Amino acid sequence: MFIFSFLLLFGFEHEMPVKIESAVENSIVLESHVPMGEASVSAKPLKFGLETDLDTVSYADTKADIGQLRVRLGESLKHGDVSFDSIKAEFTNHLVDKIIPHWYGTPWSFGGHTAVPNQGKIACGYFISTTLRDMGIKLNRYKLAQQSPIDEAKIISCGSAIYNVEQESPEKALEEIDSLTQEGLHFIGFDTGHVGYLLKRKGALLLIHSNYFSPGAVCIEPLEKSRVFKSFSKFHLVDISNNDVLIQRWLNNGIVL
């Protein structure tokens, strides 16, 4: 409890830990949960249907493609060749399947703030702010990462709805979170202590975050199995995929923070 209280006291000025995971043959492989300090034991691969191109495209090239993607989608929208819903889907797929997978396995550190996947360490807040920035959202990644979870939710929401969930058990919290979320990507804040992405894909709720539990790295895991999730009773949810204001600002190259 002392260690956790210490993390909560200083966490968002330096950030929190991660869980190791690797992308192998276009699937995300989850390491089994073991106590901090013990060696990790490989579990059977869990495949979530994420399509990645880590073997063929570098992170620098992936980021470079985003500007062209935004311009192309903006022009297509003006000419009526694409719907805004399609643009939201393109944004989500690019962030979830192209940007984020490069970060799996990047070690967590309380003060980690690397801007390069798997070079250095990264805390939970910086994982969110860096991947959003690298997706082309205009924001100050340092300022966003140093916010409390609720304030980070407010900034990312751009004025859209923030859902606050507080339940007495993880089972009830999971049920309410499921009822409040649509298919797509969301921001999730864990009371005052942690942040991550919540992906709802084909009905499954997946937590993508820099995990401070063993073995400490960026990972993707089923929400209901997450030790972090089970450690909290209060959550803040913001829709990213279906946030019209946020996606419009991205499309117009507008400033979020």
C-alpha atoms as a PDB file:
ATOM      1  CA  MET A   1       0.000   0.000   0.000  1.00  0.00           C
ATOM      2  CA  PHE A   2       2.871   2.375   0.707  1.00  0.00           C
ATOM      3  CA  ILE A   3       4.283   1.907  -2.799  1.00  0.00           C
ATOM      4  CA  PHE A   4       0.883   2.359  -4.414  1.00  0.00           C
ATOM      5  CA  SER A   5       0.189   5.489  -2.350  1.00  0.00           C
ATOM      6  CA  PHE A   6       3.552   6.847  -3.419  1.00  0.00           C
ATOM      7  CA  LEU A   7       2.666   6.252  -7.065  1.00  0.00           C
ATOM      8  CA  LEU A   8      -0.657   7.997  -6.646  1.00  0.00           C
ATOM      9  CA  LEU A   9       1.010  10.949  -4.969  1.00  0.00           C
ATOM     10  CA  PHE A  10       3.570  11.543  -7.691  1.00  0.00           C
ATOM     11  CA  GLY A  11       2.225   9.496 -10.600  1.00  0.00           C
ATOM     12  CA  PHE A  12       1.033  12.032 -13.117  1.00  0.00           C
ATOM     13  CA  GLU A  13       4.009  14.247 -12.987  1.00  0.00           C
ATOM     14  CA  HIS A  14       6.285  11.403 -13.944  1.00  0.00           C
ATOM     15  CA  GLU A  15       3.859   8.554 -14.817  1.00  0.00           C
ATOM     16  CA  MET A  16       3.226   4.887 -14.085  1.00  0.00           C
ATOM     17  CA  PRO A  17       4.410   1.301 -15.071  1.00  0.00           C
ATOM     18  CA  VAL A  18       3.920  -1.153 -18.018  1.00  0.00           C
ATOM     19  CA  LYS A  19       3.410  -4.785 -18.994  1.00  0.00           C
ATOM     20  CA  ILE A  20       5.414  -6.612 -21.627  1.00  0.00           C
ATOM     21  CA  GLU A  21       3.679  -7.779 -24.709  1.00  0.00           C
ATOM     22  CA  SER A  22       4.849  -8.483 -28.188  1.00  0.00           C
ATOM     23  CA  ALA A  23       3.290  -8.387 -31.626  1.00  0.00           C
ATOM     24  CA  VAL A  24       4.092 -11.671 -33.321  1.00  0.00           C
ATOM     25  CA  GLU A  25       2.846 -12.652 -36.755  1.00  0.00           C
ATOM     26  CA  ASN A  26       0.112  -9.995 -36.734  1.00  0.00           C
ATOM     27  CA  SER A  27      -1.238 -10.981 -33.321  1.00  0.00           C
ATOM     28  CA  ILE A  28      -0.688  -9.584 -29.848  1.00  0.00           C
ATOM     29  CA  VAL A  29       0.856 -12.075 -27.430  1.00  0.00           C
ATOM     30  CA  LEU A  30       0.058 -11.489 -23.761  1.00  0.00           C
ATOM     31  CA  GLU A  31       2.590 -12.435 -21.119  1.00  0.00           C
ATOM     32  CA  SER A  32       1.131 -14.153 -18.064  1.00  0.00           C
ATOM     33  CA  HIS A  33       0.665 -12.025 -14.950  1.00  0.00           C
ATOM     34  CA  VAL A  34       3.320 -12.652 -12.301  1.00  0.00           C
ATOM     35  CA  PRO A  35       4.290 -10.631  -9.228  1.00  0.00           C
ATOM     36  CA  MET A  36       6.721  -7.738  -9.621  1.00  0.00           C
ATOM     37  CA  GLY A  37      10.322  -8.879  -9.588  1.00  0.00           C
ATOM     38  CA  GLU A  38       9.604 -12.430 -10.707  1.00  0.00           C
ATOM     39  CA  ALA A  39      10.396 -13.781 -14.130  1.00  0.00           C
ATOM     40  CA  SER A  40       7.551 -13.694 -16.621  1.00  0.00           C
ATOM     41  CA  VAL A  41       6.137 -16.960 -17.907  1.00  0.00           C
ATOM     42  CA  SER A  42       4.757 -17.032 -21.422  1.00  0.00           C
ATOM     43  CA  ALA A  43       1.074 -17.777 -21.696  1.00  0.00           C
ATOM     44  CA  LYS A  44      -0.705 -19.125 -24.711  1.00  0.00           C
ATOM     45  CA  PRO A  45      -1.115 -16.384 -27.319  1.00  0.00           C
ATOM     46  CA  LEU A  46      -4.362 -14.452 -27.202  1.00  0.00           C
ATOM     47  CA  LYS A  47      -5.336 -13.076 -30.584  1.00  0.00           C
ATOM     48  CA  PHE A  48      -7.546 -10.021 -30.777  1.00  0.00           C
ATOM     49  CA  GLY A  49      -7.750  -9.685 -34.550  1.00  0.00           C
ATOM     50  CA  LEU A  50      -5.462  -6.650 -34.670  1.00  0.00           C
ATOM     51  CA  GLU A  51      -3.870  -6.201 -38.079  1.00  0.00           C
ATOM     52  CA  THR A  52      -0.382  -4.764 -37.775  1.00  0.00           C
ATOM     53  CA  ASP A  53       2.408  -4.006 -40.214  1.00  0.00           C
ATOM     54  CA  LEU A  54       5.348  -3.894 -37.817  1.00  0.00           C
ATOM     55  CA  ASP A  55       7.480  -6.146 -39.996  1.00  0.00           C
ATOM     56  CA  THR A  56       7.192  -3.969 -43.085  1.00  0.00           C
ATOM     57  CA  VAL A  57       6.752  -0.330 -42.006  1.00  0.00           C
ATOM     58  CA  SER A  58       8.930   1.636 -39.593  1.00  0.00           C
ATOM     59  CA  TYR A  59       7.450   3.890 -36.927  1.00  0.00           C
ATOM     60  CA  ALA A  60       8.904   6.943 -38.655  1.00  0.00           C
ATOM     61  CA  ASP A  61       7.248   5.946 -41.938  1.00  0.00           C
ATOM     62  CA  THR A  62       3.962   5.262 -40.152  1.00  0.00           C
ATOM     63  CA  LYS A  63       3.974   8.758 -38.656  1.00  0.00           C
ATOM     64  CA  ALA A  64       4.967  10.307 -41.968  1.00  0.00           C
ATOM     65  CA  ASP A  65       1.942   8.736 -43.664  1.00  0.00           C
ATOM     66  CA  ILE A  66      -0.497  10.396 -41.254  1.00  0.00           C
ATOM     67  CA  GLY A  67      -0.258  13.892 -42.695  1.00  0.00           C
ATOM     68  CA  GLN A  68      -0.977  12.553 -46.175  1.00  0.00           C
ATOM     69  CA  LEU A  69      -3.847  10.467 -44.800  1.00  0.00           C
ATOM     70  CA  ARG A  70      -5.443  13.514 -43.164  1.00  0.00           C
ATOM     71  CA  VAL A  71      -5.154  15.638 -46.317  1.00  0.00           C
ATOM     72  CA  ARG A  72      -6.505  12.854 -48.497  1.00  0.00           C
ATOM     73  CA  LEU A  73      -9.473  12.243 -46.223  1.00  0.00           C
ATOM     74  CA  GLY A  74     -10.189  15.969 -45.940  1.00  0.00           C
ATOM     75  CA  GLU A  75     -10.288  16.351 -49.719  1.00  0.00           C
ATOM     76  CA  SER A  76     -12.435  13.251 -50.111  1.00  0.00           C
ATOM     77  CA  LEU A  77     -14.908  14.606 -47.556  1.00  0.00           C
ATOM     78  CA  LYS A  78     -15.163  17.944 -49.405  1.00  0.00           C
ATOM     79  CA  HIS A  79     -15.934  16.152 -52.664  1.00  0.00           C
ATOM     80  CA  GLY A  80     -18.456  13.830 -51.044  1.00  0.00           C
ATOM     81  CA  ASP A  81     -16.378  10.749 -51.770  1.00  0.00           C
ATOM     82  CA  VAL A  82     -16.231   9.634 -48.136  1.00  0.00           C
ATOM     83  CA  SER A  83     -18.495   9.943 -45.097  1.00  0.00           C
ATOM     84  CA  PHE A  84     -17.427  11.397 -41.767  1.00  0.00           C
ATOM     85  CA  ASP A  85     -18.143   8.023 -40.175  1.00  0.00           C
ATOM     86  CA  SER A  86     -15.625   6.473 -42.560  1.00  0.00           C
ATOM     87  CA  ILE A  87     -13.054   9.063 -41.537  1.00  0.00           C
ATOM     88  CA  LYS A  88     -13.599   8.215 -37.867  1.00  0.00           C
ATOM     89  CA  ALA A  89     -13.078   4.545 -38.690  1.00  0.00           C
ATOM     90  CA  GLU A  90      -9.876   5.342 -40.640  1.00  0.00           C
ATOM     91  CA  PHE A  91      -8.567   7.379 -37.717  1.00  0.00           C
ATOM     92  CA  THR A  92      -9.311   4.587 -35.245  1.00  0.00           C
ATOM     93  CA  ASN A  93      -7.836   1.818 -37.358  1.00  0.00           C
ATOM     94  CA  HIS A  94      -4.665   3.802 -38.032  1.00  0.00           C
ATOM     95  CA  LEU A  95      -4.140   4.570 -34.346  1.00  0.00           C
ATOM     96  CA  VAL A  96      -5.036   1.097 -33.061  1.00  0.00           C
ATOM     97  CA  ASP A  97      -3.476  -1.078 -35.763  1.00  0.00           C
ATOM     98  CA  LYS A  98      -0.527   1.011 -36.976  1.00  0.00           C
ATOM     99  CA  ILE A  99       0.661   3.491 -34.325  1.00  0.00           C
ATOM    100  CA  ILE A 100       0.021   1.684 -31.038  1.00  0.00           C
ATOM    101  CA  PRO A 101       1.408  -1.793 -31.956  1.00  0.00           C
ATOM    102  CA  HIS A 102       4.911  -0.347 -32.298  1.00  0.00           C
ATOM    103  CA  TRP A 103       4.770   0.432 -28.570  1.00  0.00           C
ATOM    104  CA  TYR A 104       3.922  -3.038 -27.282  1.00  0.00           C
ATOM    105  CA  GLY A 105       6.686  -4.235 -24.989  1.00  0.00           C
ATOM    106  CA  THR A 106       8.120  -0.764 -24.338  1.00  0.00           C
ATOM    107  CA  PRO A 107       9.114  -0.850 -20.645  1.00  0.00           C
ATOM    108  CA  TRP A 108       7.118   1.116 -18.114  1.00  0.00           C
ATOM    109  CA  SER A 109       8.799   3.545 -15.752  1.00  0.00           C
ATOM    110  CA  PHE A 110       7.321   5.955 -13.216  1.00  0.00           C
ATOM    111  CA  GLY A 111       9.220   8.797 -14.892  1.00  0.00           C
ATOM    112  CA  GLY A 112       9.405   7.333 -18.415  1.00  0.00           C
ATOM    113  CA  HIS A 113       8.736   9.720 -21.279  1.00  0.00           C
ATOM    114  CA  THR A 114      10.480   8.300 -24.337  1.00  0.00           C
ATOM    115  CA  ALA A 115       9.135   9.411 -27.706  1.00  0.00           C
ATOM    116  CA  VAL A 116      10.509   6.354 -29.523  1.00  0.00           C
ATOM    117  CA  PRO A 117       8.924   2.886 -29.161  1.00  0.00           C
ATOM    118  CA  ASN A 118      11.140   0.324 -27.405  1.00  0.00           C
ATOM    119  CA  GLN A 119      13.876   2.901 -26.844  1.00  0.00           C
ATOM    120  CA  GLY A 120      13.805   4.026 -23.242  1.00  0.00           C
ATOM    121  CA  LYS A 121      10.772   3.747 -20.974  1.00  0.00           C
ATOM    122  CA  ILE A 122       7.300   5.250 -20.877  1.00  0.00           C
ATOM    123  CA  ALA A 123       4.732   6.004 -18.179  1.00  0.00           C
ATOM    124  CA  CYS A 124       0.989   5.633 -18.669  1.00  0.00           C
ATOM    125  CA  GLY A 125       0.236   9.312 -19.311  1.00  0.00           C
ATOM    126  CA  TYR A 126       3.065   9.724 -21.796  1.00  0.00           C
ATOM    127  CA  PHE A 127       1.981   6.602 -23.662  1.00  0.00           C
ATOM    128  CA  ILE A 128      -1.416   8.209 -24.271  1.00  0.00           C
ATOM    129  CA  SER A 129      -0.158  11.703 -25.084  1.00  0.00           C
ATOM    130  CA  THR A 130       2.678  10.491 -27.331  1.00  0.00           C
ATOM    131  CA  THR A 131       0.557   8.118 -29.409  1.00  0.00           C
ATOM    132  CA  LEU A 132      -2.173  10.745 -29.841  1.00  0.00           C
ATOM    133  CA  ARG A 133       0.415  13.290 -30.903  1.00  0.00           C
ATOM    134  CA  ASP A 134       2.043  10.828 -33.284  1.00  0.00           C
ATOM    135  CA  MET A 135      -1.387  10.143 -34.741  1.00  0.00           C
ATOM    136  CA  GLY A 136      -1.393  13.798 -35.742  1.00  0.00           C
ATOM    137  CA  ILE A 137      -3.468  15.390 -32.980  1.00  0.00           C
ATOM    138  CA  LYS A 138      -1.936  18.765 -32.168  1.00  0.00           C
ATOM    139  CA  LEU A 139      -1.188  18.732 -28.454  1.00  0.00           C
ATOM    140  CA  ASN A 140       1.618  19.248 -25.975  1.00  0.00           C
ATOM    141  CA  ARG A 141       2.415  15.710 -24.884  1.00  0.00           C
ATOM    142  CA  TYR A 142       4.137  16.863 -21.696  1.00  0.00           C
ATOM    143  CA  LYS A 143       1.212  18.993 -20.534  1.00  0.00           C
ATOM    144  CA  LEU A 144      -1.349  16.294 -21.314  1.00  0.00           C
ATOM    145  CA  ALA A 145       0.678  13.544 -19.635  1.00  0.00           C
ATOM    146  CA  GLN A 146       1.005  15.547 -16.421  1.00  0.00           C
ATOM    147  CA  GLN A 147      -2.735  16.029 -15.962  1.00  0.00           C
ATOM    148  CA  SER A 148      -4.824  14.046 -13.505  1.00  0.00           C
ATOM    149  CA  PRO A 149      -6.963  11.326 -15.155  1.00  0.00           C
ATOM    150  CA  ILE A 150     -10.156  13.402 -14.964  1.00  0.00           C
ATOM    151  CA  ASP A 151      -8.440  16.507 -16.373  1.00  0.00           C
ATOM    152  CA  GLU A 152      -6.883  14.433 -19.135  1.00  0.00           C
ATOM    153  CA  ALA A 153     -10.358  13.105 -19.909  1.00  0.00           C
ATOM    154  CA  LYS A 154     -11.691  16.677 -20.131  1.00  0.00           C
ATOM    155  CA  ILE A 155      -8.970  17.735 -22.563  1.00  0.00           C
ATOM    156  CA  ILE A 156      -9.381  14.704 -24.831  1.00  0.00           C
ATOM    157  CA  SER A 157     -13.173  15.007 -24.738  1.00  0.00           C
ATOM    158  CA  CYS A 158     -13.083  18.462 -26.394  1.00  0.00           C
ATOM    159  CA  GLY A 159     -16.369  19.164 -24.632  1.00  0.00           C
ATOM    160  CA  SER A 160     -18.047  15.850 -25.398  1.00  0.00           C
ATOM    161  CA  ALA A 161     -19.516  13.557 -22.755  1.00  0.00           C
ATOM    162  CA  ILE A 162     -17.392  12.162 -19.940  1.00  0.00           C
ATOM    163  CA  TYR A 163     -18.852   9.117 -18.235  1.00  0.00           C
ATOM    164  CA  ASN A 164     -17.906   8.544 -14.611  1.00  0.00           C
ATOM    165  CA  VAL A 165     -18.287   5.007 -13.313  1.00  0.00           C
ATOM    166  CA  GLU A 166     -18.071   4.105  -9.641  1.00  0.00           C
ATOM    167  CA  GLN A 167     -19.001   0.618  -8.510  1.00  0.00           C
ATOM    168  CA  GLU A 168     -18.393  -1.602  -5.512  1.00  0.00           C
ATOM    169  CA  SER A 169     -17.039  -4.538  -7.517  1.00  0.00           C
ATOM    170  CA  PRO A 170     -15.066  -5.067 -10.748  1.00  0.00           C
ATOM    171  CA  GLU A 171     -17.951  -7.152 -12.121  1.00  0.00           C
ATOM    172  CA  LYS A 172     -20.452  -4.321 -11.715  1.00  0.00           C
ATOM    173  CA  ALA A 173     -17.964  -1.776 -13.039  1.00  0.00           C
ATOM    174  CA  LEU A 174     -17.331  -3.950 -16.101  1.00  0.00           C
ATOM    175  CA  GLU A 175     -21.061  -4.254 -16.728  1.00  0.00           C
ATOM    176  CA  GLU A 176     -21.590  -0.483 -16.558  1.00  0.00           C
ATOM    177  CA  ILE A 177     -18.541   0.281 -18.701  1.00  0.00           C
ATOM    178  CA  ASP A 178     -19.786  -2.188 -21.304  1.00  0.00           C
ATOM    179  CA  SER A 179     -23.198  -0.496 -21.361  1.00  0.00           C
ATOM    180  CA  LEU A 180     -21.673   2.977 -21.798  1.00  0.00           C
ATOM    181  CA  THR A 181     -19.235   2.210 -24.611  1.00  0.00           C
ATOM    182  CA  GLN A 182     -19.686   1.797 -28.350  1.00  0.00           C
ATOM    183  CA  GLU A 183     -17.465  -0.144 -30.719  1.00  0.00           C
ATOM    184  CA  GLY A 184     -14.181   1.705 -31.112  1.00  0.00           C
ATOM    185  CA  LEU A 185     -11.474   3.361 -29.047  1.00  0.00           C
ATOM    186  CA  HIS A 186     -11.957   5.228 -25.782  1.00  0.00           C
ATOM    187  CA  PHE A 187      -9.839   6.966 -23.164  1.00  0.00           C
ATOM    188  CA  ILE A 188     -10.128   5.490 -19.676  1.00  0.00           C
ATOM    189  CA  GLY A 189      -8.926   7.149 -16.493  1.00  0.00           C
ATOM    190  CA  PHE A 190      -8.582   5.105 -13.314  1.00  0.00           C
ATOM    191  CA  ASP A 191      -9.653   7.403 -10.466  1.00  0.00           C
ATOM    192  CA  THR A 192      -6.553   9.519  -9.719  1.00  0.00           C
ATOM    193  CA  GLY A 193      -3.914   6.890 -10.457  1.00  0.00           C
ATOM    194  CA  HIS A 194      -3.698   5.612 -14.031  1.00  0.00           C
ATOM    195  CA  VAL A 195      -4.795   6.121 -17.657  1.00  0.00           C
ATOM    196  CA  GLY A 196      -5.038   4.015 -20.793  1.00  0.00           C
ATOM    197  CA  TYR A 197      -7.011   3.266 -23.922  1.00  0.00           C
ATOM    198  CA  LEU A 198     -10.114   1.103 -23.844  1.00  0.00           C
ATOM    199  CA  LEU A 199     -10.785  -0.666 -27.128  1.00  0.00           C
ATOM    200  CA  LYS A 200     -14.158  -2.241 -27.783  1.00  0.00           C
ATOM    201  CA  ARG A 201     -13.863  -4.552 -30.774  1.00  0.00           C
ATOM    202  CA  LYS A 202     -16.496  -7.118 -31.685  1.00  0.00           C
ATOM    203  CA  GLY A 203     -17.971  -6.684 -28.227  1.00  0.00           C
ATOM    204  CA  ALA A 204     -14.738  -7.444 -26.364  1.00  0.00           C
ATOM    205  CA  LEU A 205     -13.324  -4.809 -23.989  1.00  0.00           C
ATOM    206  CA  LEU A 206      -9.530  -4.556 -24.229  1.00  0.00           C
ATOM    207  CA  LEU A 207      -7.278  -2.366 -22.127  1.00  0.00           C
ATOM    208  CA  ILE A 208      -4.240  -0.887 -23.902  1.00  0.00           C
ATOM    209  CA  HIS A 209      -1.868   0.828 -21.482  1.00  0.00           C
ATOM    210  CA  SER A 210       1.574   1.186 -19.999  1.00  0.00           C
ATOM    211  CA  ASN A 211       1.035  -1.357 -17.263  1.00  0.00           C
ATOM    212  CA  TYR A 212       2.760  -0.858 -13.925  1.00  0.00           C
ATOM    213  CA  PHE A 213       2.080  -4.416 -12.792  1.00  0.00           C
ATOM    214  CA  SER A 214       4.454  -7.251 -13.706  1.00  0.00           C
ATOM    215  CA  PRO A 215       6.337  -7.359 -15.941  1.00  0.00           C
ATOM    216  CA  GLY A 216       5.922  -3.617 -16.516  1.00  0.00           C
ATOM    217  CA  ALA A 217       5.482  -2.594 -20.178  1.00  0.00           C
ATOM    218  CA  VAL A 218       2.967  -1.403 -22.752  1.00  0.00           C
ATOM    219  CA  CYS A 219       0.428  -4.151 -23.373  1.00  0.00           C
ATOM    220  CA  ILE A 220      -3.054  -5.052 -24.501  1.00  0.00           C
ATOM    221  CA  GLU A 221      -5.162  -7.269 -22.259  1.00  0.00           C
ATOM    222  CA  PRO A 222      -8.822  -8.139 -21.652  1.00  0.00           C
ATOM    223  CA  LEU A 223     -10.239  -5.516 -19.302  1.00  0.00           C
ATOM    224  CA  GLU A 224     -11.855  -8.040 -16.978  1.00  0.00           C
ATOM    225  CA  LYS A 225      -8.506  -9.820 -16.454  1.00  0.00           C
ATOM    226  CA  SER A 226      -6.486  -6.674 -15.801  1.00  0.00           C
ATOM    227  CA  ARG A 227      -4.966  -6.353 -12.337  1.00  0.00           C
ATOM    228  CA  VAL A 228      -4.982  -2.579 -12.764  1.00  0.00           C
ATOM    229  CA  PHE A 229      -8.708  -2.585 -13.514  1.00  0.00           C
ATOM    230  CA  LYS A 230      -9.408  -4.748 -10.468  1.00  0.00           C
ATOM    231  CA  SER A 231      -7.435  -2.329  -8.288  1.00  0.00           C
ATOM    232  CA  PHE A 232      -9.837   0.575  -8.873  1.00  0.00           C
ATOM    233  CA  SER A 233     -13.517   1.262  -8.322  1.00  0.00           C
ATOM    234  CA  LYS A 234     -13.824   4.655 -10.058  1.00  0.00           C
ATOM    235  CA  PHE A 235     -13.293   5.301 -13.770  1.00  0.00           C
ATOM    236  CA  HIS A 236     -13.580   8.152 -16.296  1.00  0.00           C
ATOM    237  CA  LEU A 237     -14.529   7.303 -19.892  1.00  0.00           C
ATOM    238  CA  VAL A 238     -14.288   9.423 -23.033  1.00  0.00           C
ATOM    239  CA  ASP A 239     -15.100   8.240 -26.548  1.00  0.00           C
ATOM    240  CA  ILE A 240     -12.285   8.826 -29.033  1.00  0.00           C
ATOM    241  CA  SER A 241     -13.504   6.996 -32.146  1.00  0.00           C
ATOM    242  CA  ASN A 242     -16.963   8.568 -32.075  1.00  0.00           C
ATOM    243  CA  ASN A 243     -15.892  11.995 -30.802  1.00  0.00           C
ATOM    244  CA  ASP A 244     -16.895  14.235 -33.694  1.00  0.00           C
ATOM    245  CA  VAL A 245     -15.173  17.351 -32.293  1.00  0.00           C
ATOM    246  CA  LEU A 246     -11.863  15.587 -31.652  1.00  0.00           C
ATOM    247  CA  ILE A 247     -11.800  13.900 -35.066  1.00  0.00           C
ATOM    248  CA  GLN A 248     -12.781  17.150 -36.793  1.00  0.00           C
ATOM    249  CA  ARG A 249      -9.922  18.966 -35.075  1.00  0.00           C
ATOM    250  CA  TRP A 250      -7.579  16.225 -36.222  1.00  0.00           C
ATOM    251  CA  LEU A 251      -8.901  16.517 -39.765  1.00  0.00           C
ATOM    252  CA  ASN A 252      -8.517  20.324 -39.732  1.00  0.00           C
ATOM    253  CA  ASN A 253      -5.126  20.174 -38.000  1.00  0.00           C
ATOM    254  CA  GLY A 254      -6.650  22.121 -35.108  1.00  0.00           C
ATOM    255  CA  ILE A 255      -5.108  22.447 -31.659  1.00  0.00           C
ATOM    256  CA  VAL A 256      -6.371  20.287 -28.785  1.00  0.00           C
ATOM    257  CA  LEU A 257      -3.816  21.371 -26.176  1.00  0.00           C
END
